[in-house]
Amino acid sequence: MLFYVQMRWNIEGRLSEEELWDLETKEAEQAKKTIDDGMVVGIFKVAAQRRVIGIVDVESIEELDRTAMGRLPMREYLEFEQVWPLRDYEGFAEDVKIHYKV
């Protein structure tokens, strides 16, 4: 399943700048592994904001939850603002052609 995930760094008053960069270095290494493994389709840092957006491909919402809550180095400092399941547009287009009638 594909998911759009929007996260915000919730670090105000909780981490020094040095601590943030040290932790973010670990997070970047983890992100590269998940990209190489195919779990992350794309990940983007929003310019001029403490926000990251990812498109992830996981087997289930449970797997996404396990990753978000237990595997991410920055899990304690990430606020998940949006998590949306995504549908492949081609499948949607096929349903449109038959007007959603089976």
PDB file of N, CA and C in Angstrom:
ATOM      1  N   MET A   1       0.841  -1.176   0.000  1.00  0.00           N
ATOM      2  CA  MET A   1       0.000   0.000   0.000  1.00  0.00           C
ATOM      3  C   MET A   1       0.888   1.242   0.000  1.00  0.00           C
ATOM      4  N   LEU A   2       0.483   2.205  -0.781  1.00  0.00           N
ATOM      5  CA  LEU A   2       1.190   3.481  -0.815  1.00  0.00           C
ATOM      6  C   LEU A   2       0.545   4.452   0.173  1.00  0.00           C
ATOM      7  N   PHE A   3       1.399   5.202   0.860  1.00  0.00           N
ATOM      8  CA  PHE A   3       0.926   6.222   1.787  1.00  0.00           C
ATOM      9  C   PHE A   3       1.710   7.511   1.578  1.00  0.00           C
ATOM     10  N   TYR A   4       0.994   8.621   1.636  1.00  0.00           N
ATOM     11  CA  TYR A   4       1.595   9.952   1.718  1.00  0.00           C
ATOM     12  C   TYR A   4       1.759  10.230   3.209  1.00  0.00           C
ATOM     13  N   VAL A   5       2.961  10.592   3.619  1.00  0.00           N
ATOM     14  CA  VAL A   5       3.240  10.850   5.032  1.00  0.00           C
ATOM     15  C   VAL A   5       3.891  12.221   5.156  1.00  0.00           C
ATOM     16  N   GLN A   6       3.286  13.079   5.946  1.00  0.00           N
ATOM     17  CA  GLN A   6       3.824  14.425   6.185  1.00  0.00           C
ATOM     18  C   GLN A   6       4.200  14.532   7.651  1.00  0.00           C
ATOM     19  N   MET A   7       5.479  14.838   7.894  1.00  0.00           N
ATOM     20  CA  MET A   7       6.003  14.890   9.253  1.00  0.00           C
ATOM     21  C   MET A   7       6.626  16.251   9.531  1.00  0.00           C
ATOM     22  N   ARG A   8       6.502  16.666  10.768  1.00  0.00           N
ATOM     23  CA  ARG A   8       7.094  17.927  11.219  1.00  0.00           C
ATOM     24  C   ARG A   8       8.055  17.616  12.353  1.00  0.00           C
ATOM     25  N   TRP A   9       9.212  18.285  12.328  1.00  0.00           N
ATOM     26  CA  TRP A   9      10.154  18.139  13.439  1.00  0.00           C
ATOM     27  C   TRP A   9       9.606  18.881  14.639  1.00  0.00           C
ATOM     28  N   ASN A  10       9.309  18.187  15.706  1.00  0.00           N
ATOM     29  CA  ASN A  10       8.823  18.795  16.943  1.00  0.00           C
ATOM     30  C   ASN A  10      10.006  18.847  17.910  1.00  0.00           C
ATOM     31  N   ILE A  11      10.868  19.836  17.725  1.00  0.00           N
ATOM     32  CA  ILE A  11      12.125  19.882  18.466  1.00  0.00           C
ATOM     33  C   ILE A  11      12.278  21.130  19.336  1.00  0.00           C
ATOM     34  N   GLU A  12      11.392  22.079  19.210  1.00  0.00           N
ATOM     35  CA  GLU A  12      11.531  23.353  19.912  1.00  0.00           C
ATOM     36  C   GLU A  12      11.710  23.117  21.412  1.00  0.00           C
ATOM     37  N   GLY A  13      12.842  23.570  21.950  1.00  0.00           N
ATOM     38  CA  GLY A  13      13.110  23.435  23.368  1.00  0.00           C
ATOM     39  C   GLY A  13      13.458  22.020  23.809  1.00  0.00           C
ATOM     40  N   ARG A  14      13.604  21.105  22.849  1.00  0.00           N
ATOM     41  CA  ARG A  14      13.861  19.705  23.191  1.00  0.00           C
ATOM     42  C   ARG A  14      15.236  19.224  22.749  1.00  0.00           C
ATOM     43  N   LEU A  15      15.785  19.837  21.712  1.00  0.00           N
ATOM     44  CA  LEU A  15      17.086  19.440  21.176  1.00  0.00           C
ATOM     45  C   LEU A  15      17.911  20.675  20.864  1.00  0.00           C
ATOM     46  N   SER A  16      19.191  20.572  21.085  1.00  0.00           N
ATOM     47  CA  SER A  16      20.075  21.636  20.615  1.00  0.00           C
ATOM     48  C   SER A  16      20.265  21.444  19.110  1.00  0.00           C
ATOM     49  N   GLU A  17      20.819  22.453  18.467  1.00  0.00           N
ATOM     50  CA  GLU A  17      21.070  22.344  17.029  1.00  0.00           C
ATOM     51  C   GLU A  17      22.040  21.198  16.739  1.00  0.00           C
ATOM     52  N   GLU A  18      23.072  21.054  17.553  1.00  0.00           N
ATOM     53  CA  GLU A  18      24.044  19.957  17.369  1.00  0.00           C
ATOM     54  C   GLU A  18      23.384  18.601  17.526  1.00  0.00           C
ATOM     55  N   GLU A  19      22.529  18.465  18.552  1.00  0.00           N
ATOM     56  CA  GLU A  19      21.821  17.198  18.767  1.00  0.00           C
ATOM     57  C   GLU A  19      20.908  16.886  17.579  1.00  0.00           C
ATOM     58  N   LEU A  20      20.249  17.919  17.062  1.00  0.00           N
ATOM     59  CA  LEU A  20      19.385  17.731  15.899  1.00  0.00           C
ATOM     60  C   LEU A  20      20.174  17.187  14.717  1.00  0.00           C
ATOM     61  N   TRP A  21      21.307  17.806  14.407  1.00  0.00           N
ATOM     62  CA  TRP A  21      22.065  17.376  13.231  1.00  0.00           C
ATOM     63  C   TRP A  21      22.646  15.980  13.425  1.00  0.00           C
ATOM     64  N   ASP A  22      23.062  15.651  14.652  1.00  0.00           N
ATOM     65  CA  ASP A  22      23.559  14.302  14.914  1.00  0.00           C
ATOM     66  C   ASP A  22      22.456  13.263  14.698  1.00  0.00           C
ATOM     67  N   LEU A  23      21.276  13.559  15.224  1.00  0.00           N
ATOM     68  CA  LEU A  23      20.147  12.640  15.079  1.00  0.00           C
ATOM     69  C   LEU A  23      19.668  12.574  13.632  1.00  0.00           C
ATOM     70  N   GLU A  24      19.647  13.708  12.974  1.00  0.00           N
ATOM     71  CA  GLU A  24      19.213  13.749  11.575  1.00  0.00           C
ATOM     72  C   GLU A  24      20.188  12.999  10.680  1.00  0.00           C
ATOM     73  N   THR A  25      21.469  12.954  11.038  1.00  0.00           N
ATOM     74  CA  THR A  25      22.441  12.155  10.290  1.00  0.00           C
ATOM     75  C   THR A  25      22.053  10.682  10.347  1.00  0.00           C
ATOM     76  N   LYS A  26      21.665  10.206  11.521  1.00  0.00           N
ATOM     77  CA  LYS A  26      21.203   8.810  11.667  1.00  0.00           C
ATOM     78  C   LYS A  26      19.919   8.592  10.879  1.00  0.00           C
ATOM     79  N   GLU A  27      19.033   9.565  10.916  1.00  0.00           N
ATOM     80  CA  GLU A  27      17.765   9.466  10.183  1.00  0.00           C
ATOM     81  C   GLU A  27      18.023   9.390   8.677  1.00  0.00           C
ATOM     82  N   ALA A  28      18.979  10.169   8.185  1.00  0.00           N
ATOM     83  CA  ALA A  28      19.315  10.165   6.760  1.00  0.00           C
ATOM     84  C   ALA A  28      19.871   8.808   6.332  1.00  0.00           C
ATOM     85  N   GLU A  29      20.673   8.205   7.196  1.00  0.00           N
ATOM     86  CA  GLU A  29      21.204   6.867   6.893  1.00  0.00           C
ATOM     87  C   GLU A  29      20.069   5.847   6.820  1.00  0.00           C
ATOM     88  N   GLN A  30      19.116   5.932   7.749  1.00  0.00           N
ATOM     89  CA  GLN A  30      17.953   5.036   7.738  1.00  0.00           C
ATOM     90  C   GLN A  30      17.101   5.282   6.496  1.00  0.00           C
ATOM     91  N   ALA A  31      16.923   6.548   6.126  1.00  0.00           N
ATOM     92  CA  ALA A  31      16.127   6.874   4.938  1.00  0.00           C
ATOM     93  C   ALA A  31      16.765   6.270   3.687  1.00  0.00           C
ATOM     94  N   LYS A  32      18.078   6.351   3.578  1.00  0.00           N
ATOM     95  CA  LYS A  32      18.752   5.767   2.413  1.00  0.00           C
ATOM     96  C   LYS A  32      18.513   4.264   2.340  1.00  0.00           C
ATOM     97  N   LYS A  33      18.585   3.587   3.482  1.00  0.00           N
ATOM     98  CA  LYS A  33      18.332   2.137   3.507  1.00  0.00           C
ATOM     99  C   LYS A  33      16.910   1.823   3.040  1.00  0.00           C
ATOM    100  N   THR A  34      15.933   2.596   3.507  1.00  0.00           N
ATOM    101  CA  THR A  34      14.548   2.318   3.124  1.00  0.00           C
ATOM    102  C   THR A  34      14.287   2.650   1.662  1.00  0.00           C
ATOM    103  N   ILE A  35      15.001   3.627   1.128  1.00  0.00           N
ATOM    104  CA  ILE A  35      14.901   3.919  -0.310  1.00  0.00           C
ATOM    105  C   ILE A  35      15.497   2.763  -1.098  1.00  0.00           C
ATOM    106  N   ASP A  36      16.682   2.315  -0.691  1.00  0.00           N
ATOM    107  CA  ASP A  36      17.339   1.197  -1.370  1.00  0.00           C
ATOM    108  C   ASP A  36      16.503  -0.081  -1.301  1.00  0.00           C
ATOM    109  N   ASP A  37      15.791  -0.281  -0.178  1.00  0.00           N
ATOM    110  CA  ASP A  37      14.943  -1.466  -0.001  1.00  0.00           C
ATOM    111  C   ASP A  37      13.596  -1.348  -0.704  1.00  0.00           C
ATOM    112  N   GLY A  38      13.257  -0.157  -1.206  1.00  0.00           N
ATOM    113  CA  GLY A  38      11.992   0.038  -1.906  1.00  0.00           C
ATOM    114  C   GLY A  38      10.826   0.414  -1.011  1.00  0.00           C
ATOM    115  N   MET A  39      11.061   0.555   0.290  1.00  0.00           N
ATOM    116  CA  MET A  39       9.976   0.944   1.185  1.00  0.00           C
ATOM    117  C   MET A  39       9.593   2.406   0.992  1.00  0.00           C
ATOM    118  N   VAL A  40      10.590   3.242   0.743  1.00  0.00           N
ATOM    119  CA  VAL A  40      10.330   4.656   0.495  1.00  0.00           C
ATOM    120  C   VAL A  40      10.449   4.915  -0.999  1.00  0.00           C
ATOM    121  N   VAL A  41       9.350   5.365  -1.579  1.00  0.00           N
ATOM    122  CA  VAL A  41       9.320   5.685  -3.005  1.00  0.00           C
ATOM    123  C   VAL A  41       9.969   7.035  -3.249  1.00  0.00           C
ATOM    124  N   GLY A  42       9.703   7.959  -2.353  1.00  0.00           N
ATOM    125  CA  GLY A  42      10.299   9.290  -2.440  1.00  0.00           C
ATOM    126  C   GLY A  42      10.208   9.969  -1.094  1.00  0.00           C
ATOM    127  N   ILE A  43      11.211  10.775  -0.787  1.00  0.00           N
ATOM    128  CA  ILE A  43      11.208  11.534   0.461  1.00  0.00           C
ATOM    129  C   ILE A  43      11.759  12.919   0.153  1.00  0.00           C
ATOM    130  N   PHE A  44      11.115  13.925   0.737  1.00  0.00           N
ATOM    131  CA  PHE A  44      11.440  15.301   0.403  1.00  0.00           C
ATOM    132  C   PHE A  44      11.450  16.154   1.663  1.00  0.00           C
ATOM    133  N   LYS A  45      12.447  17.015   1.782  1.00  0.00           N
ATOM    134  CA  LYS A  45      12.497  18.022   2.834  1.00  0.00           C
ATOM    135  C   LYS A  45      11.839  19.269   2.279  1.00  0.00           C
ATOM    136  N   VAL A  46      10.845  19.804   2.978  1.00  0.00           N
ATOM    137  CA  VAL A  46      10.168  21.022   2.546  1.00  0.00           C
ATOM    138  C   VAL A  46      11.096  22.207   2.815  1.00  0.00           C
ATOM    139  N   ALA A  47      11.361  22.980   1.788  1.00  0.00           N
ATOM    140  CA  ALA A  47      12.281  24.118   1.903  1.00  0.00           C
ATOM    141  C   ALA A  47      11.792  25.119   2.945  1.00  0.00           C
ATOM    142  N   ALA A  48      12.725  25.591   3.749  1.00  0.00           N
ATOM    143  CA  ALA A  48      12.498  26.643   4.739  1.00  0.00           C
ATOM    144  C   ALA A  48      11.502  26.255   5.831  1.00  0.00           C
ATOM    145  N   GLN A  49      11.254  24.956   5.994  1.00  0.00           N
ATOM    146  CA  GLN A  49      10.355  24.476   7.041  1.00  0.00           C
ATOM    147  C   GLN A  49      10.971  23.263   7.721  1.00  0.00           C
ATOM    148  N   ARG A  50      10.541  22.992   8.934  1.00  0.00           N
ATOM    149  CA  ARG A  50      10.962  21.789   9.656  1.00  0.00           C
ATOM    150  C   ARG A  50       9.961  20.678   9.343  1.00  0.00           C
ATOM    151  N   ARG A  51       9.910  20.314   8.071  1.00  0.00           N
ATOM    152  CA  ARG A  51       8.890  19.377   7.602  1.00  0.00           C
ATOM    153  C   ARG A  51       9.486  18.469   6.541  1.00  0.00           C
ATOM    154  N   VAL A  52       9.080  17.199   6.589  1.00  0.00           N
ATOM    155  CA  VAL A  52       9.508  16.201   5.617  1.00  0.00           C
ATOM    156  C   VAL A  52       8.263  15.491   5.087  1.00  0.00           C
ATOM    157  N   ILE A  53       8.267  15.219   3.782  1.00  0.00           N
ATOM    158  CA  ILE A  53       7.156  14.501   3.140  1.00  0.00           C
ATOM    159  C   ILE A  53       7.711  13.244   2.498  1.00  0.00           C
ATOM    160  N   GLY A  54       7.010  12.146   2.693  1.00  0.00           N
ATOM    161  CA  GLY A  54       7.444  10.896   2.093  1.00  0.00           C
ATOM    162  C   GLY A  54       6.294  10.162   1.433  1.00  0.00           C
ATOM    163  N   ILE A  55       6.628   9.402   0.417  1.00  0.00           N
ATOM    164  CA  ILE A  55       5.701   8.444  -0.169  1.00  0.00           C
ATOM    165  C   ILE A  55       6.302   7.088   0.153  1.00  0.00           C
ATOM    166  N   VAL A  56       5.566   6.294   0.921  1.00  0.00           N
ATOM    167  CA  VAL A  56       6.086   5.010   1.362  1.00  0.00           C
ATOM    168  C   VAL A  56       5.217   3.881   0.833  1.00  0.00           C
ATOM    169  N   ASP A  57       5.847   2.757   0.610  1.00  0.00           N
ATOM    170  CA  ASP A  57       5.168   1.564   0.102  1.00  0.00           C
ATOM    171  C   ASP A  57       5.362   0.456   1.129  1.00  0.00           C
ATOM    172  N   VAL A  58       4.323   0.184   1.913  1.00  0.00           N
ATOM    173  CA  VAL A  58       4.380  -0.836   2.954  1.00  0.00           C
ATOM    174  C   VAL A  58       3.236  -1.826   2.764  1.00  0.00           C
ATOM    175  N   GLU A  59       3.371  -2.997   3.364  1.00  0.00           N
ATOM    176  CA  GLU A  59       2.359  -4.044   3.213  1.00  0.00           C
ATOM    177  C   GLU A  59       1.042  -3.671   3.872  1.00  0.00           C
ATOM    178  N   SER A  60       1.100  -2.896   4.949  1.00  0.00           N
ATOM    179  CA  SER A  60      -0.117  -2.610   5.711  1.00  0.00           C
ATOM    180  C   SER A  60       0.078  -1.345   6.541  1.00  0.00           C
ATOM    181  N   ILE A  61      -1.022  -0.849   7.062  1.00  0.00           N
ATOM    182  CA  ILE A  61      -0.955   0.297   7.963  1.00  0.00           C
ATOM    183  C   ILE A  61      -0.227  -0.086   9.244  1.00  0.00           C
ATOM    184  N   GLU A  62      -0.328  -1.359   9.632  1.00  0.00           N
ATOM    185  CA  GLU A  62       0.387  -1.825  10.818  1.00  0.00           C
ATOM    186  C   GLU A  62       1.899  -1.707  10.625  1.00  0.00           C
ATOM    187  N   GLU A  63       2.372  -2.062   9.427  1.00  0.00           N
ATOM    188  CA  GLU A  63       3.806  -1.953   9.143  1.00  0.00           C
ATOM    189  C   GLU A  63       4.252  -0.498   9.154  1.00  0.00           C
ATOM    190  N   LEU A  64       3.426   0.389   8.638  1.00  0.00           N
ATOM    191  CA  LEU A  64       3.737   1.817   8.688  1.00  0.00           C
ATOM    192  C   LEU A  64       3.819   2.288  10.139  1.00  0.00           C
ATOM    193  N   ASP A  65       2.890   1.842  10.959  1.00  0.00           N
ATOM    194  CA  ASP A  65       2.877   2.215  12.367  1.00  0.00           C
ATOM    195  C   ASP A  65       4.119   1.693  13.090  1.00  0.00           C
ATOM    196  N   ARG A  66       4.508   0.455  12.812  1.00  0.00           N
ATOM    197  CA  ARG A  66       5.713  -0.111  13.431  1.00  0.00           C
ATOM    198  C   ARG A  66       6.957   0.711  13.071  1.00  0.00           C
ATOM    199  N   THR A  67       7.026   1.115  11.828  1.00  0.00           N
ATOM    200  CA  THR A  67       8.166   1.910  11.377  1.00  0.00           C
ATOM    201  C   THR A  67       8.155   3.282  12.038  1.00  0.00           C
ATOM    202  N   ALA A  68       7.009   3.941  12.019  1.00  0.00           N
ATOM    203  CA  ALA A  68       6.901   5.298  12.571  1.00  0.00           C
ATOM    204  C   ALA A  68       7.136   5.322  14.075  1.00  0.00           C
ATOM    205  N   MET A  69       6.631   4.324  14.770  1.00  0.00           N
ATOM    206  CA  MET A  69       6.696   4.332  16.230  1.00  0.00           C
ATOM    207  C   MET A  69       7.935   3.651  16.810  1.00  0.00           C
ATOM    208  N   GLY A  70       8.582   2.793  16.012  1.00  0.00           N
ATOM    209  CA  GLY A  70       9.657   2.020  16.598  1.00  0.00           C
ATOM    210  C   GLY A  70      10.984   2.003  15.880  1.00  0.00           C
ATOM    211  N   ARG A  71      11.010   2.346  14.594  1.00  0.00           N
ATOM    212  CA  ARG A  71      12.243   2.169  13.822  1.00  0.00           C
ATOM    213  C   ARG A  71      12.949   3.454  13.432  1.00  0.00           C
ATOM    214  N   LEU A  72      12.245   4.550  13.399  1.00  0.00           N
ATOM    215  CA  LEU A  72      12.859   5.804  12.951  1.00  0.00           C
ATOM    216  C   LEU A  72      13.709   6.415  14.059  1.00  0.00           C
ATOM    217  N   PRO A  73      14.953   6.770  13.759  1.00  0.00           N
ATOM    218  CA  PRO A  73      15.800   7.390  14.782  1.00  0.00           C
ATOM    219  C   PRO A  73      15.188   8.659  15.389  1.00  0.00           C
ATOM    220  N   MET A  74      14.418   9.412  14.615  1.00  0.00           N
ATOM    221  CA  MET A  74      13.825  10.664  15.111  1.00  0.00           C
ATOM    222  C   MET A  74      12.386  10.483  15.601  1.00  0.00           C
ATOM    223  N   ARG A  75      11.954   9.236  15.801  1.00  0.00           N
ATOM    224  CA  ARG A  75      10.547   8.964  16.134  1.00  0.00           C
ATOM    225  C   ARG A  75      10.021   9.811  17.296  1.00  0.00           C
ATOM    226  N   GLU A  76      10.862  10.086  18.280  1.00  0.00           N
ATOM    227  CA  GLU A  76      10.427  10.866  19.437  1.00  0.00           C
ATOM    228  C   GLU A  76      10.186  12.335  19.076  1.00  0.00           C
ATOM    229  N   TYR A  77      10.758  12.792  17.965  1.00  0.00           N
ATOM    230  CA  TYR A  77      10.705  14.206  17.596  1.00  0.00           C
ATOM    231  C   TYR A  77       9.905  14.464  16.319  1.00  0.00           C
ATOM    232  N   LEU A  78       9.299  13.421  15.757  1.00  0.00           N
ATOM    233  CA  LEU A  78       8.512  13.596  14.543  1.00  0.00           C
ATOM    234  C   LEU A  78       7.029  13.633  14.886  1.00  0.00           C
ATOM    235  N   GLU A  79       6.373  14.657  14.420  1.00  0.00           N
ATOM    236  CA  GLU A  79       4.928  14.775  14.564  1.00  0.00           C
ATOM    237  C   GLU A  79       4.331  14.448  13.197  1.00  0.00           C
ATOM    238  N   PHE A  80       3.553  13.381  13.128  1.00  0.00           N
ATOM    239  CA  PHE A  80       2.937  12.979  11.862  1.00  0.00           C
ATOM    240  C   PHE A  80       1.678  13.809  11.660  1.00  0.00           C
ATOM    241  N   GLU A  81       1.763  14.755  10.731  1.00  0.00           N
ATOM    242  CA  GLU A  81       0.658  15.681  10.494  1.00  0.00           C
ATOM    243  C   GLU A  81      -0.404  15.088   9.580  1.00  0.00           C
ATOM    244  N   GLN A  82       0.036  14.343   8.583  1.00  0.00           N
ATOM    245  CA  GLN A  82      -0.888  13.734   7.620  1.00  0.00           C
ATOM    246  C   GLN A  82      -0.389  12.340   7.274  1.00  0.00           C
ATOM    247  N   VAL A  83      -1.294  11.386   7.212  1.00  0.00           N
ATOM    248  CA  VAL A  83      -1.009  10.051   6.696  1.00  0.00           C
ATOM    249  C   VAL A  83      -2.213   9.675   5.833  1.00  0.00           C
ATOM    250  N   TRP A  84      -1.992   9.639   4.537  1.00  0.00           N
ATOM    251  CA  TRP A  84      -3.082   9.360   3.598  1.00  0.00           C
ATOM    252  C   TRP A  84      -2.760   8.128   2.758  1.00  0.00           C
ATOM    253  N   PRO A  85      -3.689   7.162   2.695  1.00  0.00           N
ATOM    254  CA  PRO A  85      -3.481   6.045   1.769  1.00  0.00           C
ATOM    255  C   PRO A  85      -3.659   6.558   0.335  1.00  0.00           C
ATOM    256  N   LEU A  86      -2.844   6.050  -0.563  1.00  0.00           N
ATOM    257  CA  LEU A  86      -2.891   6.483  -1.958  1.00  0.00           C
ATOM    258  C   LEU A  86      -3.311   5.333  -2.860  1.00  0.00           C
ATOM    259  N   ARG A  87      -4.112   5.654  -3.810  1.00  0.00           N
ATOM    260  CA  ARG A  87      -4.573   4.675  -4.779  1.00  0.00           C
ATOM    261  C   ARG A  87      -3.903   4.937  -6.112  1.00  0.00           C
ATOM    262  N   ASP A  88      -3.484   3.867  -6.772  1.00  0.00           N
ATOM    263  CA  ASP A  88      -2.897   3.981  -8.096  1.00  0.00           C
ATOM    264  C   ASP A  88      -3.919   4.600  -9.051  1.00  0.00           C
ATOM    265  N   TYR A  89      -3.495   5.603  -9.809  1.00  0.00           N
ATOM    266  CA  TYR A  89      -4.436   6.309 -10.672  1.00  0.00           C
ATOM    267  C   TYR A  89      -4.972   5.418 -11.790  1.00  0.00           C
ATOM    268  N   GLU A  90      -4.167   4.511 -12.291  1.00  0.00           N
ATOM    269  CA  GLU A  90      -4.641   3.624 -13.363  1.00  0.00           C
ATOM    270  C   GLU A  90      -5.815   2.770 -12.904  1.00  0.00           C
ATOM    271  N   GLY A  91      -5.760   2.259 -11.688  1.00  0.00           N
ATOM    272  CA  GLY A  91      -6.882   1.486 -11.140  1.00  0.00           C
ATOM    273  C   GLY A  91      -8.128   2.344 -10.996  1.00  0.00           C
ATOM    274  N   PHE A  92      -7.930   3.577 -10.554  1.00  0.00           N
ATOM    275  CA  PHE A  92      -9.045   4.514 -10.449  1.00  0.00           C
ATOM    276  C   PHE A  92      -9.657   4.762 -11.828  1.00  0.00           C
ATOM    277  N   ALA A  93      -8.812   4.977 -12.828  1.00  0.00           N
ATOM    278  CA  ALA A  93      -9.298   5.244 -14.190  1.00  0.00           C
ATOM    279  C   ALA A  93     -10.116   4.069 -14.723  1.00  0.00           C
ATOM    280  N   GLU A  94      -9.695   2.854 -14.412  1.00  0.00           N
ATOM    281  CA  GLU A  94     -10.467   1.674 -14.846  1.00  0.00           C
ATOM    282  C   GLU A  94     -11.848   1.666 -14.191  1.00  0.00           C
ATOM    283  N   ASP A  95     -11.932   2.003 -12.917  1.00  0.00           N
ATOM    284  CA  ASP A  95     -13.235   2.080 -12.240  1.00  0.00           C
ATOM    285  C   ASP A  95     -14.096   3.190 -12.834  1.00  0.00           C
ATOM    286  N   VAL A  96     -13.487   4.295 -13.210  1.00  0.00           N
ATOM    287  CA  VAL A  96     -14.228   5.393 -13.831  1.00  0.00           C
ATOM    288  C   VAL A  96     -14.848   4.935 -15.150  1.00  0.00           C
ATOM    289  N   LYS A  97     -14.087   4.185 -15.936  1.00  0.00           N
ATOM    290  CA  LYS A  97     -14.579   3.713 -17.237  1.00  0.00           C
ATOM    291  C   LYS A  97     -15.851   2.891 -17.107  1.00  0.00           C
ATOM    292  N   ILE A  98     -15.952   2.128 -16.026  1.00  0.00           N
ATOM    293  CA  ILE A  98     -17.160   1.297 -15.829  1.00  0.00           C
ATOM    294  C   ILE A  98     -18.123   1.941 -14.832  1.00  0.00           C
ATOM    295  N   HIS A  99     -17.873   3.189 -14.511  1.00  0.00           N
ATOM    296  CA  HIS A  99     -18.710   3.969 -13.595  1.00  0.00           C
ATOM    297  C   HIS A  99     -18.866   3.288 -12.247  1.00  0.00           C
ATOM    298  N   TYR A 100     -17.799   2.653 -11.794  1.00  0.00           N
ATOM    299  CA  TYR A 100     -17.760   1.965 -10.491  1.00  0.00           C
ATOM    300  C   TYR A 100     -18.778   0.834 -10.397  1.00  0.00           C
ATOM    301  N   LYS A 101     -19.222   0.310 -11.505  1.00  0.00           N
ATOM    302  CA  LYS A 101     -20.163  -0.814 -11.493  1.00  0.00           C
ATOM    303  C   LYS A 101     -19.390  -2.102 -11.752  1.00  0.00           C
ATOM    304  N   VAL A 102     -19.669  -3.066 -10.933  1.00  0.00           N
ATOM    305  CA  VAL A 102     -18.966  -4.355 -11.067  1.00  0.00           C
ATOM    306  C   VAL A 102     -19.866  -5.337 -11.806  1.00  0.00           C
TER     307      VAL A 102
END
